[in-house]
Amino acid sequence: MKFTQSKKGFRILATVVVMLFAGFSLYAQRTAVSGIVKEASTGEPILGAGVIEKGTTNGTMTDINGQFTLNVLPQATLEVRFVGFGTKEVAVNGQTSF
Protein backbone atom coordinates (compact mmCIF):
# COMPACT_ATOMS: atom_id res chain seq x y z
CA MET A 1 0.00 0.00 0.00
CA LYS A 2 1.09 3.55 -0.73
CA PHE A 3 0.35 6.10 1.91
CA THR A 4 2.01 8.99 0.11
CA GLN A 5 -1.08 9.78 -1.95
CA SER A 6 -3.36 9.85 1.09
CA LYS A 7 -0.87 12.02 3.02
CA LYS A 8 -0.72 14.42 0.09
CA GLY A 9 -4.51 14.53 -0.06
CA PHE A 10 -4.72 15.14 3.69
CA ARG A 11 -2.25 18.03 3.43
CA ILE A 12 -4.27 19.62 0.63
CA LEU A 13 -7.52 19.20 2.57
CA ALA A 14 -5.94 20.62 5.73
CA THR A 15 -4.63 23.62 3.79
CA VAL A 16 -8.05 24.32 2.29
CA VAL A 17 -9.73 24.10 5.71
CA VAL A 18 -7.22 26.51 7.25
CA MET A 19 -7.71 28.98 4.38
CA LEU A 20 -11.49 28.83 4.79
CA PHE A 21 -11.30 29.56 8.51
CA ALA A 22 -8.85 32.40 7.88
CA GLY A 23 -11.28 33.89 5.36
CA PHE A 24 -14.17 33.67 7.81
CA SER A 25 -12.17 35.36 10.54
CA LEU A 26 -11.26 38.23 8.20
CA TYR A 27 -14.90 38.67 7.22
CA ALA A 28 -15.93 38.61 10.87
CA GLN A 29 -13.68 41.58 11.58
CA ARG A 30 -15.78 43.82 9.34
CA THR A 31 -18.44 45.99 10.91
CA ALA A 32 -21.56 47.58 9.45
CA VAL A 33 -21.47 51.37 9.31
CA SER A 34 -24.37 53.54 8.25
CA GLY A 35 -25.10 57.19 7.86
CA ILE A 36 -26.72 59.98 5.89
CA VAL A 37 -24.94 62.12 3.30
CA LYS A 38 -26.24 65.70 3.31
CA GLU A 39 -25.41 68.86 1.40
CA ALA A 40 -23.44 71.05 3.85
CA SER A 41 -25.16 74.41 3.35
CA THR A 42 -28.80 73.28 3.06
CA GLY A 43 -28.78 70.00 5.00
CA GLU A 44 -30.66 68.29 2.15
CA PRO A 45 -29.94 64.57 1.70
CA ILE A 46 -27.93 63.66 -1.42
CA LEU A 47 -29.35 60.86 -3.57
CA GLY A 48 -26.76 58.72 -5.38
CA ALA A 49 -23.59 59.79 -3.59
CA GLY A 50 -20.87 57.14 -3.68
CA VAL A 51 -19.54 55.89 -0.34
CA ILE A 52 -16.39 53.78 -0.73
CA GLU A 53 -13.99 52.11 1.68
CA LYS A 54 -10.77 53.91 0.74
CA GLY A 55 -8.23 51.76 -1.10
CA THR A 56 -10.79 49.07 -1.99
CA THR A 57 -13.62 48.47 -4.43
CA ASN A 58 -16.03 48.00 -1.52
CA GLY A 59 -18.69 50.66 -1.80
CA THR A 60 -22.33 51.62 -2.08
CA MET A 61 -24.55 54.53 -3.09
CA THR A 62 -26.93 56.58 -0.98
CA ASP A 63 -30.66 56.04 -1.31
CA ILE A 64 -33.39 58.65 -1.86
CA ASN A 65 -33.00 59.80 1.76
CA GLY A 66 -29.20 60.07 1.50
CA GLN A 67 -28.76 56.96 3.66
CA PHE A 68 -26.15 54.23 3.23
CA THR A 69 -24.97 51.05 4.95
CA LEU A 70 -21.60 49.43 4.26
CA ASN A 71 -19.51 46.64 5.86
CA VAL A 72 -15.96 47.91 6.43
CA LEU A 73 -12.92 47.28 8.60
CA PRO A 74 -13.05 49.18 11.92
CA GLN A 75 -9.96 51.27 11.01
CA ALA A 76 -11.18 52.09 7.47
CA THR A 77 -11.59 55.51 5.92
CA LEU A 78 -14.74 56.27 3.96
CA GLU A 79 -14.60 58.36 0.80
CA VAL A 80 -17.84 60.16 -0.06
CA ARG A 81 -18.12 61.34 -3.67
CA PHE A 82 -20.76 63.10 -5.70
CA VAL A 83 -20.60 64.85 -9.06
CA GLY A 84 -20.07 68.58 -8.62
CA PHE A 85 -18.80 68.25 -5.04
CA GLY A 86 -15.35 67.57 -3.65
CA THR A 87 -14.44 64.20 -2.15
CA LYS A 88 -14.89 64.00 1.61
CA GLU A 89 -12.87 61.49 3.67
CA VAL A 90 -14.18 60.28 7.02
CA ALA A 91 -12.21 58.00 9.36
CA VAL A 92 -14.37 55.21 10.81
CA ASN A 93 -12.28 54.73 13.99
CA GLY A 94 -14.66 52.04 15.26
CA GLN A 95 -17.78 54.22 14.87
CA THR A 96 -20.88 52.68 13.32
CA SER A 97 -23.05 55.74 12.63
CA PHE A 98 -22.28 58.89 10.64
PDB file of N, CA and C in Angstrom:
ATOM      1  N   MET A   1       0.820  -1.183   0.000  1.00  0.00           N
ATOM      2  CA  MET A   1       0.000   0.000   0.000  1.00  0.00           C
ATOM      3  C   MET A   1       0.864   1.247   0.000  1.00  0.00           C
ATOM      4  N   LYS A   2       0.401   2.262  -0.728  1.00  0.00           N
ATOM      5  CA  LYS A   2       1.089   3.548  -0.730  1.00  0.00           C
ATOM      6  C   LYS A   2       0.302   4.537   0.113  1.00  0.00           C
ATOM      7  N   PHE A   3       0.987   5.108   1.062  1.00  0.00           N
ATOM      8  CA  PHE A   3       0.351   6.102   1.910  1.00  0.00           C
ATOM      9  C   PHE A   3       0.710   7.518   1.477  1.00  0.00           C
ATOM     10  N   THR A   4       1.594   7.660   0.532  1.00  0.00           N
ATOM     11  CA  THR A   4       2.014   8.991   0.113  1.00  0.00           C
ATOM     12  C   THR A   4       0.872   9.751  -0.539  1.00  0.00           C
ATOM     13  N   GLN A   5       0.048   9.102  -1.315  1.00  0.00           N
ATOM     14  CA  GLN A   5      -1.081   9.784  -1.953  1.00  0.00           C
ATOM     15  C   GLN A   5      -2.074  10.271  -0.911  1.00  0.00           C
ATOM     16  N   SER A   6      -2.385   9.440   0.076  1.00  0.00           N
ATOM     17  CA  SER A   6      -3.357   9.848   1.093  1.00  0.00           C
ATOM     18  C   SER A   6      -2.782  10.964   1.974  1.00  0.00           C
ATOM     19  N   LYS A   7      -1.483  10.934   2.249  1.00  0.00           N
ATOM     20  CA  LYS A   7      -0.868  12.016   3.015  1.00  0.00           C
ATOM     21  C   LYS A   7      -0.915  13.319   2.237  1.00  0.00           C
ATOM     22  N   LYS A   8      -0.669  13.234   0.937  1.00  0.00           N
ATOM     23  CA  LYS A   8      -0.717  14.420   0.092  1.00  0.00           C
ATOM     24  C   LYS A   8      -2.141  14.983   0.072  1.00  0.00           C
ATOM     25  N   GLY A   9      -3.118  14.101  -0.059  1.00  0.00           N
ATOM     26  CA  GLY A   9      -4.513  14.531  -0.059  1.00  0.00           C
ATOM     27  C   GLY A   9      -4.904  15.166   1.263  1.00  0.00           C
ATOM     28  N   PHE A  10      -4.428  14.594   2.365  1.00  0.00           N
ATOM     29  CA  PHE A  10      -4.717  15.144   3.685  1.00  0.00           C
ATOM     30  C   PHE A  10      -4.117  16.540   3.834  1.00  0.00           C
ATOM     31  N   ARG A  11      -2.897  16.712   3.350  1.00  0.00           N
ATOM     32  CA  ARG A  11      -2.247  18.029   3.427  1.00  0.00           C
ATOM     33  C   ARG A  11      -3.026  19.073   2.637  1.00  0.00           C
ATOM     34  N   ILE A  12      -3.494  18.693   1.459  1.00  0.00           N
ATOM     35  CA  ILE A  12      -4.268  19.619   0.633  1.00  0.00           C
ATOM     36  C   ILE A  12      -5.575  19.982   1.338  1.00  0.00           C
ATOM     37  N   LEU A  13      -6.263  18.965   1.853  1.00  0.00           N
ATOM     38  CA  LEU A  13      -7.518  19.199   2.568  1.00  0.00           C
ATOM     39  C   LEU A  13      -7.291  20.086   3.789  1.00  0.00           C
ATOM     40  N   ALA A  14      -6.250  19.814   4.541  1.00  0.00           N
ATOM     41  CA  ALA A  14      -5.945  20.615   5.732  1.00  0.00           C
ATOM     42  C   ALA A  14      -5.653  22.064   5.350  1.00  0.00           C
ATOM     43  N   THR A  15      -4.936  22.273   4.262  1.00  0.00           N
ATOM     44  CA  THR A  15      -4.631  23.622   3.792  1.00  0.00           C
ATOM     45  C   THR A  15      -5.899  24.364   3.402  1.00  0.00           C
ATOM     46  N   VAL A  16      -6.789  23.697   2.699  1.00  0.00           N
ATOM     47  CA  VAL A  16      -8.049  24.319   2.286  1.00  0.00           C
ATOM     48  C   VAL A  16      -8.884  24.699   3.505  1.00  0.00           C
ATOM     49  N   VAL A  17      -8.962  23.824   4.493  1.00  0.00           N
ATOM     50  CA  VAL A  17      -9.729  24.103   5.705  1.00  0.00           C
ATOM     51  C   VAL A  17      -9.154  25.311   6.445  1.00  0.00           C
ATOM     52  N   VAL A  18      -7.851  25.382   6.578  1.00  0.00           N
ATOM     53  CA  VAL A  18      -7.215  26.514   7.251  1.00  0.00           C
ATOM     54  C   VAL A  18      -7.504  27.807   6.496  1.00  0.00           C
ATOM     55  N   MET A  19      -7.435  27.777   5.184  1.00  0.00           N
ATOM     56  CA  MET A  19      -7.706  28.976   4.385  1.00  0.00           C
ATOM     57  C   MET A  19      -9.158  29.426   4.539  1.00  0.00           C
ATOM     58  N   LEU A  20     -10.076  28.475   4.601  1.00  0.00           N
ATOM     59  CA  LEU A  20     -11.490  28.829   4.793  1.00  0.00           C
ATOM     60  C   LEU A  20     -11.710  29.508   6.136  1.00  0.00           C
ATOM     61  N   PHE A  21     -11.132  28.947   7.191  1.00  0.00           N
ATOM     62  CA  PHE A  21     -11.296  29.560   8.505  1.00  0.00           C
ATOM     63  C   PHE A  21     -10.635  30.926   8.569  1.00  0.00           C
ATOM     64  N   ALA A  22      -9.515  31.096   7.912  1.00  0.00           N
ATOM     65  CA  ALA A  22      -8.854  32.404   7.876  1.00  0.00           C
ATOM     66  C   ALA A  22      -9.740  33.414   7.161  1.00  0.00           C
ATOM     67  N   GLY A  23     -10.375  32.998   6.088  1.00  0.00           N
ATOM     68  CA  GLY A  23     -11.280  33.886   5.355  1.00  0.00           C
ATOM     69  C   GLY A  23     -12.478  34.284   6.193  1.00  0.00           C
ATOM     70  N   PHE A  24     -13.038  33.352   6.949  1.00  0.00           N
ATOM     71  CA  PHE A  24     -14.171  33.667   7.811  1.00  0.00           C
ATOM     72  C   PHE A  24     -13.776  34.640   8.907  1.00  0.00           C
ATOM     73  N   SER A  25     -12.589  34.467   9.464  1.00  0.00           N
ATOM     74  CA  SER A  25     -12.169  35.362  10.539  1.00  0.00           C
ATOM     75  C   SER A  25     -11.928  36.771  10.001  1.00  0.00           C
ATOM     76  N   LEU A  26     -11.432  36.905   8.789  1.00  0.00           N
ATOM     77  CA  LEU A  26     -11.263  38.226   8.200  1.00  0.00           C
ATOM     78  C   LEU A  26     -12.600  38.887   7.950  1.00  0.00           C
ATOM     79  N   TYR A  27     -13.576  38.117   7.469  1.00  0.00           N
ATOM     80  CA  TYR A  27     -14.901  38.673   7.220  1.00  0.00           C
ATOM     81  C   TYR A  27     -15.544  39.090   8.535  1.00  0.00           C
ATOM     82  N   ALA A  28     -15.330  38.320   9.581  1.00  0.00           N
ATOM     83  CA  ALA A  28     -15.935  38.615  10.874  1.00  0.00           C
ATOM     84  C   ALA A  28     -15.409  39.915  11.461  1.00  0.00           C
ATOM     85  N   GLN A  29     -14.256  40.358  11.045  1.00  0.00           N
ATOM     86  CA  GLN A  29     -13.681  41.580  11.579  1.00  0.00           C
ATOM     87  C   GLN A  29     -14.315  42.826  10.979  1.00  0.00           C
ATOM     88  N   ARG A  30     -15.099  42.675   9.944  1.00  0.00           N
ATOM     89  CA  ARG A  30     -15.775  43.823   9.340  1.00  0.00           C
ATOM     90  C   ARG A  30     -16.974  44.219  10.196  1.00  0.00           C
ATOM     91  N   THR A  31     -17.309  45.486  10.140  1.00  0.00           N
ATOM     92  CA  THR A  31     -18.442  45.989  10.905  1.00  0.00           C
ATOM     93  C   THR A  31     -19.332  46.827   9.995  1.00  0.00           C
ATOM     94  N   ALA A  32     -20.618  46.809  10.254  1.00  0.00           N
ATOM     95  CA  ALA A  32     -21.559  47.583   9.451  1.00  0.00           C
ATOM     96  C   ALA A  32     -21.564  49.029   9.934  1.00  0.00           C
ATOM     97  N   VAL A  33     -21.349  49.943   9.003  1.00  0.00           N
ATOM     98  CA  VAL A  33     -21.471  51.367   9.311  1.00  0.00           C
ATOM     99  C   VAL A  33     -22.607  51.921   8.463  1.00  0.00           C
ATOM    100  N   SER A  34     -23.273  52.924   8.993  1.00  0.00           N
ATOM    101  CA  SER A  34     -24.368  53.544   8.254  1.00  0.00           C
ATOM    102  C   SER A  34     -24.357  55.038   8.516  1.00  0.00           C
ATOM    103  N   GLY A  35     -25.048  55.753   7.683  1.00  0.00           N
ATOM    104  CA  GLY A  35     -25.100  57.190   7.863  1.00  0.00           C
ATOM    105  C   GLY A  35     -25.956  57.854   6.804  1.00  0.00           C
ATOM    106  N   ILE A  36     -25.966  59.170   6.848  1.00  0.00           N
ATOM    107  CA  ILE A  36     -26.717  59.979   5.886  1.00  0.00           C
ATOM    108  C   ILE A  36     -25.759  61.007   5.306  1.00  0.00           C
ATOM    109  N   VAL A  37     -25.762  61.117   3.983  1.00  0.00           N
ATOM    110  CA  VAL A  37     -24.945  62.116   3.298  1.00  0.00           C
ATOM    111  C   VAL A  37     -25.846  63.300   2.993  1.00  0.00           C
ATOM    112  N   LYS A  38     -25.444  64.484   3.495  1.00  0.00           N
ATOM    113  CA  LYS A  38     -26.242  65.697   3.310  1.00  0.00           C
ATOM    114  C   LYS A  38     -25.400  66.792   2.684  1.00  0.00           C
ATOM    115  N   GLU A  39     -26.063  67.680   1.975  1.00  0.00           N
ATOM    116  CA  GLU A  39     -25.412  68.859   1.404  1.00  0.00           C
ATOM    117  C   GLU A  39     -25.124  69.807   2.571  1.00  0.00           C
ATOM    118  N   ALA A  40     -23.897  70.301   2.671  1.00  0.00           N
ATOM    119  CA  ALA A  40     -23.444  71.049   3.850  1.00  0.00           C
ATOM    120  C   ALA A  40     -24.242  72.322   4.116  1.00  0.00           C
ATOM    121  N   SER A  41     -24.531  73.114   3.101  1.00  0.00           N
ATOM    122  CA  SER A  41     -25.163  74.407   3.348  1.00  0.00           C
ATOM    123  C   SER A  41     -26.667  74.314   3.582  1.00  0.00           C
ATOM    124  N   THR A  42     -27.343  73.362   2.928  1.00  0.00           N
ATOM    125  CA  THR A  42     -28.804  73.279   3.062  1.00  0.00           C
ATOM    126  C   THR A  42     -29.259  72.143   3.974  1.00  0.00           C
ATOM    127  N   GLY A  43     -28.405  71.151   4.193  1.00  0.00           N
ATOM    128  CA  GLY A  43     -28.781  70.004   5.000  1.00  0.00           C
ATOM    129  C   GLY A  43     -29.662  69.011   4.273  1.00  0.00           C
ATOM    130  N   GLU A  44     -29.840  69.209   2.959  1.00  0.00           N
ATOM    131  CA  GLU A  44     -30.658  68.293   2.153  1.00  0.00           C
ATOM    132  C   GLU A  44     -29.902  66.994   1.909  1.00  0.00           C
ATOM    133  N   PRO A  45     -30.604  65.847   1.990  1.00  0.00           N
ATOM    134  CA  PRO A  45     -29.940  64.572   1.701  1.00  0.00           C
ATOM    135  C   PRO A  45     -29.540  64.483   0.229  1.00  0.00           C
ATOM    136  N   ILE A  46     -28.429  63.799  -0.044  1.00  0.00           N
ATOM    137  CA  ILE A  46     -27.935  63.663  -1.420  1.00  0.00           C
ATOM    138  C   ILE A  46     -28.197  62.248  -1.912  1.00  0.00           C
ATOM    139  N   LEU A  47     -29.012  62.132  -2.932  1.00  0.00           N
ATOM    140  CA  LEU A  47     -29.346  60.857  -3.568  1.00  0.00           C
ATOM    141  C   LEU A  47     -28.238  60.459  -4.531  1.00  0.00           C
ATOM    142  N   GLY A  48     -27.729  59.235  -4.428  1.00  0.00           N
ATOM    143  CA  GLY A  48     -26.761  58.717  -5.382  1.00  0.00           C
ATOM    144  C   GLY A  48     -25.319  59.077  -5.124  1.00  0.00           C
ATOM    145  N   ALA A  49     -24.995  59.532  -3.916  1.00  0.00           N
ATOM    146  CA  ALA A  49     -23.591  59.786  -3.585  1.00  0.00           C
ATOM    147  C   ALA A  49     -22.886  58.444  -3.399  1.00  0.00           C
ATOM    148  N   GLY A  50     -21.652  58.358  -3.844  1.00  0.00           N
ATOM    149  CA  GLY A  50     -20.868  57.137  -3.676  1.00  0.00           C
ATOM    150  C   GLY A  50     -20.146  57.145  -2.345  1.00  0.00           C
ATOM    151  N   VAL A  51     -20.253  56.050  -1.603  1.00  0.00           N
ATOM    152  CA  VAL A  51     -19.540  55.888  -0.338  1.00  0.00           C
ATOM    153  C   VAL A  51     -18.669  54.653  -0.497  1.00  0.00           C
ATOM    154  N   ILE A  52     -17.349  54.843  -0.424  1.00  0.00           N
ATOM    155  CA  ILE A  52     -16.393  53.784  -0.730  1.00  0.00           C
ATOM    156  C   ILE A  52     -15.401  53.635   0.418  1.00  0.00           C
ATOM    157  N   GLU A  53     -15.062  52.374   0.732  1.00  0.00           N
ATOM    158  CA  GLU A  53     -13.990  52.111   1.683  1.00  0.00           C
ATOM    159  C   GLU A  53     -12.684  52.419   0.953  1.00  0.00           C
ATOM    160  N   LYS A  54     -11.963  53.428   1.419  1.00  0.00           N
ATOM    161  CA  LYS A  54     -10.767  53.908   0.738  1.00  0.00           C
ATOM    162  C   LYS A  54      -9.766  52.784   0.496  1.00  0.00           C
ATOM    163  N   GLY A  55      -9.232  52.747  -0.729  1.00  0.00           N
ATOM    164  CA  GLY A  55      -8.232  51.764  -1.096  1.00  0.00           C
ATOM    165  C   GLY A  55      -8.806  50.418  -1.502  1.00  0.00           C
ATOM    166  N   THR A  56     -10.139  50.318  -1.593  1.00  0.00           N
ATOM    167  CA  THR A  56     -10.788  49.075  -1.986  1.00  0.00           C
ATOM    168  C   THR A  56     -11.822  49.359  -3.073  1.00  0.00           C
ATOM    169  N   THR A  57     -12.483  48.311  -3.513  1.00  0.00           N
ATOM    170  CA  THR A  57     -13.616  48.472  -4.434  1.00  0.00           C
ATOM    171  C   THR A  57     -14.924  48.254  -3.682  1.00  0.00           C
ATOM    172  N   ASN A  58     -14.859  48.196  -2.367  1.00  0.00           N
ATOM    173  CA  ASN A  58     -16.026  48.001  -1.519  1.00  0.00           C
ATOM    174  C   ASN A  58     -16.754  49.332  -1.364  1.00  0.00           C
ATOM    175  N   GLY A  59     -17.964  49.411  -1.891  1.00  0.00           N
ATOM    176  CA  GLY A  59     -18.693  50.662  -1.797  1.00  0.00           C
ATOM    177  C   GLY A  59     -20.176  50.494  -2.027  1.00  0.00           C
ATOM    178  N   THR A  60     -20.888  51.592  -1.874  1.00  0.00           N
ATOM    179  CA  THR A  60     -22.329  51.620  -2.080  1.00  0.00           C
ATOM    180  C   THR A  60     -22.733  53.032  -2.484  1.00  0.00           C
ATOM    181  N   MET A  61     -24.019  53.206  -2.764  1.00  0.00           N
ATOM    182  CA  MET A  61     -24.552  54.532  -3.093  1.00  0.00           C
ATOM    183  C   MET A  61     -25.665  54.865  -2.118  1.00  0.00           C
ATOM    184  N   THR A  62     -25.868  56.151  -1.882  1.00  0.00           N
ATOM    185  CA  THR A  62     -26.928  56.577  -0.979  1.00  0.00           C
ATOM    186  C   THR A  62     -28.290  56.425  -1.643  1.00  0.00           C
ATOM    187  N   ASP A  63     -29.304  56.191  -0.799  1.00  0.00           N
ATOM    188  CA  ASP A  63     -30.663  56.044  -1.313  1.00  0.00           C
ATOM    189  C   ASP A  63     -31.346  57.412  -1.431  1.00  0.00           C
ATOM    190  N   ILE A  64     -32.637  57.407  -1.649  1.00  0.00           N
ATOM    191  CA  ILE A  64     -33.390  58.651  -1.864  1.00  0.00           C
ATOM    192  C   ILE A  64     -33.347  59.581  -0.651  1.00  0.00           C
ATOM    193  N   ASN A  65     -33.104  59.003   0.530  1.00  0.00           N
ATOM    194  CA  ASN A  65     -33.002  59.803   1.759  1.00  0.00           C
ATOM    195  C   ASN A  65     -31.564  60.126   2.132  1.00  0.00           C
ATOM    196  N   GLY A  66     -30.612  59.813   1.238  1.00  0.00           N
ATOM    197  CA  GLY A  66     -29.201  60.065   1.496  1.00  0.00           C
ATOM    198  C   GLY A  66     -28.562  59.052   2.414  1.00  0.00           C
ATOM    199  N   GLN A  67     -29.260  57.958   2.712  1.00  0.00           N
ATOM    200  CA  GLN A  67     -28.764  56.959   3.655  1.00  0.00           C
ATOM    201  C   GLN A  67     -27.932  55.884   2.966  1.00  0.00           C
ATOM    202  N   PHE A  68     -26.979  55.339   3.722  1.00  0.00           N
ATOM    203  CA  PHE A  68     -26.146  54.235   3.229  1.00  0.00           C
ATOM    204  C   PHE A  68     -25.821  53.291   4.370  1.00  0.00           C
ATOM    205  N   THR A  69     -25.505  52.053   4.023  1.00  0.00           N
ATOM    206  CA  THR A  69     -24.975  51.053   4.955  1.00  0.00           C
ATOM    207  C   THR A  69     -23.878  50.303   4.217  1.00  0.00           C
ATOM    208  N   LEU A  70     -22.749  50.068   4.894  1.00  0.00           N
ATOM    209  CA  LEU A  70     -21.601  49.433   4.262  1.00  0.00           C
ATOM    210  C   LEU A  70     -20.815  48.652   5.310  1.00  0.00           C
ATOM    211  N   ASN A  71     -20.362  47.441   4.975  1.00  0.00           N
ATOM    212  CA  ASN A  71     -19.511  46.640   5.862  1.00  0.00           C
ATOM    213  C   ASN A  71     -18.054  46.974   5.576  1.00  0.00           C
ATOM    214  N   VAL A  72     -17.356  47.482   6.594  1.00  0.00           N
ATOM    215  CA  VAL A  72     -15.963  47.908   6.432  1.00  0.00           C
ATOM    216  C   VAL A  72     -15.125  47.441   7.623  1.00  0.00           C
ATOM    217  N   LEU A  73     -13.818  47.544   7.484  1.00  0.00           N
ATOM    218  CA  LEU A  73     -12.918  47.284   8.598  1.00  0.00           C
ATOM    219  C   LEU A  73     -13.035  48.427   9.611  1.00  0.00           C
ATOM    220  N   PRO A  74     -12.893  48.145  10.898  1.00  0.00           N
ATOM    221  CA  PRO A  74     -13.045  49.185  11.924  1.00  0.00           C
ATOM    222  C   PRO A  74     -12.095  50.376  11.763  1.00  0.00           C
ATOM    223  N   GLN A  75     -10.923  50.176  11.174  1.00  0.00           N
ATOM    224  CA  GLN A  75      -9.960  51.265  11.007  1.00  0.00           C
ATOM    225  C   GLN A  75     -10.014  51.898   9.613  1.00  0.00           C
ATOM    226  N   ALA A  76     -11.061  51.605   8.855  1.00  0.00           N
ATOM    227  CA  ALA A  76     -11.179  52.091   7.472  1.00  0.00           C
ATOM    228  C   ALA A  76     -11.415  53.602   7.419  1.00  0.00           C
ATOM    229  N   THR A  77     -11.216  54.137   6.226  1.00  0.00           N
ATOM    230  CA  THR A  77     -11.586  55.511   5.917  1.00  0.00           C
ATOM    231  C   THR A  77     -12.617  55.468   4.807  1.00  0.00           C
ATOM    232  N   LEU A  78     -13.704  56.201   4.983  1.00  0.00           N
ATOM    233  CA  LEU A  78     -14.737  56.269   3.961  1.00  0.00           C
ATOM    234  C   LEU A  78     -14.487  57.470   3.061  1.00  0.00           C
ATOM    235  N   GLU A  79     -14.654  57.262   1.768  1.00  0.00           N
ATOM    236  CA  GLU A  79     -14.602  58.355   0.796  1.00  0.00           C
ATOM    237  C   GLU A  79     -16.020  58.575   0.290  1.00  0.00           C
ATOM    238  N   VAL A  80     -16.502  59.809   0.418  1.00  0.00           N
ATOM    239  CA  VAL A  80     -17.838  60.158  -0.063  1.00  0.00           C
ATOM    240  C   VAL A  80     -17.663  61.045  -1.279  1.00  0.00           C
ATOM    241  N   ARG A  81     -18.292  60.625  -2.399  1.00  0.00           N
ATOM    242  CA  ARG A  81     -18.123  61.340  -3.665  1.00  0.00           C
ATOM    243  C   ARG A  81     -19.471  61.612  -4.309  1.00  0.00           C
ATOM    244  N   PHE A  82     -19.572  62.771  -4.937  1.00  0.00           N
ATOM    245  CA  PHE A  82     -20.758  63.103  -5.703  1.00  0.00           C
ATOM    246  C   PHE A  82     -20.362  64.119  -6.768  1.00  0.00           C
ATOM    247  N   VAL A  83     -20.923  63.967  -7.945  1.00  0.00           N
ATOM    248  CA  VAL A  83     -20.597  64.847  -9.063  1.00  0.00           C
ATOM    249  C   VAL A  83     -20.888  66.301  -8.679  1.00  0.00           C
ATOM    250  N   GLY A  84     -19.914  67.169  -8.921  1.00  0.00           N
ATOM    251  CA  GLY A  84     -20.067  68.582  -8.617  1.00  0.00           C
ATOM    252  C   GLY A  84     -19.625  68.970  -7.221  1.00  0.00           C
ATOM    253  N   PHE A  85     -19.267  68.000  -6.403  1.00  0.00           N
ATOM    254  CA  PHE A  85     -18.796  68.251  -5.041  1.00  0.00           C
ATOM    255  C   PHE A  85     -17.406  67.650  -4.885  1.00  0.00           C
ATOM    256  N   GLY A  86     -16.654  68.140  -3.945  1.00  0.00           N
ATOM    257  CA  GLY A  86     -15.353  67.568  -3.650  1.00  0.00           C
ATOM    258  C   GLY A  86     -15.501  66.247  -2.907  1.00  0.00           C
ATOM    259  N   THR A  87     -14.438  65.459  -2.885  1.00  0.00           N
ATOM    260  CA  THR A  87     -14.437  64.195  -2.151  1.00  0.00           C
ATOM    261  C   THR A  87     -14.218  64.479  -0.679  1.00  0.00           C
ATOM    262  N   LYS A  88     -15.013  63.851   0.162  1.00  0.00           N
ATOM    263  CA  LYS A  88     -14.888  63.997   1.611  1.00  0.00           C
ATOM    264  C   LYS A  88     -14.411  62.670   2.180  1.00  0.00           C
ATOM    265  N   GLU A  89     -13.374  62.688   3.016  1.00  0.00           N
ATOM    266  CA  GLU A  89     -12.870  61.488   3.670  1.00  0.00           C
ATOM    267  C   GLU A  89     -13.253  61.528   5.144  1.00  0.00           C
ATOM    268  N   VAL A  90     -13.746  60.386   5.629  1.00  0.00           N
ATOM    269  CA  VAL A  90     -14.176  60.281   7.019  1.00  0.00           C
ATOM    270  C   VAL A  90     -13.564  59.015   7.614  1.00  0.00           C
ATOM    271  N   ALA A  91     -12.796  59.154   8.693  1.00  0.00           N
ATOM    272  CA  ALA A  91     -12.210  57.999   9.363  1.00  0.00           C
ATOM    273  C   ALA A  91     -13.280  57.308  10.196  1.00  0.00           C
ATOM    274  N   VAL A  92     -13.360  55.974  10.073  1.00  0.00           N
ATOM    275  CA  VAL A  92     -14.365  55.213  10.810  1.00  0.00           C
ATOM    276  C   VAL A  92     -14.002  55.150  12.295  1.00  0.00           C
ATOM    277  N   ASN A  93     -12.758  54.800  12.605  1.00  0.00           N
ATOM    278  CA  ASN A  93     -12.279  54.729  13.992  1.00  0.00           C
ATOM    279  C   ASN A  93     -13.232  53.985  14.920  1.00  0.00           C
ATOM    280  N   GLY A  94     -13.785  52.872  14.446  1.00  0.00           N
ATOM    281  CA  GLY A  94     -14.657  52.044  15.261  1.00  0.00           C
ATOM    282  C   GLY A  94     -16.091  52.539  15.380  1.00  0.00           C
ATOM    283  N   GLN A  95     -16.417  53.707  14.818  1.00  0.00           N
ATOM    284  CA  GLN A  95     -17.783  54.221  14.869  1.00  0.00           C
ATOM    285  C   GLN A  95     -18.679  53.419  13.942  1.00  0.00           C
ATOM    286  N   THR A  96     -19.973  53.414  14.193  1.00  0.00           N
ATOM    287  CA  THR A  96     -20.884  52.685  13.317  1.00  0.00           C
ATOM    288  C   THR A  96     -21.947  53.594  12.717  1.00  0.00           C
ATOM    289  N   SER A  97     -22.019  54.830  13.142  1.00  0.00           N
ATOM    290  CA  SER A  97     -23.046  55.737  12.631  1.00  0.00           C
ATOM    291  C   SER A  97     -22.437  57.090  12.286  1.00  0.00           C
ATOM    292  N   PHE A  98     -22.814  57.610  11.112  1.00  0.00           N
ATOM    293  CA  PHE A  98     -22.277  58.889  10.638  1.00  0.00           C
ATOM    294  C   PHE A  98     -23.404  59.772  10.135  1.00  0.00           C
TER     295      PHE A  98
END
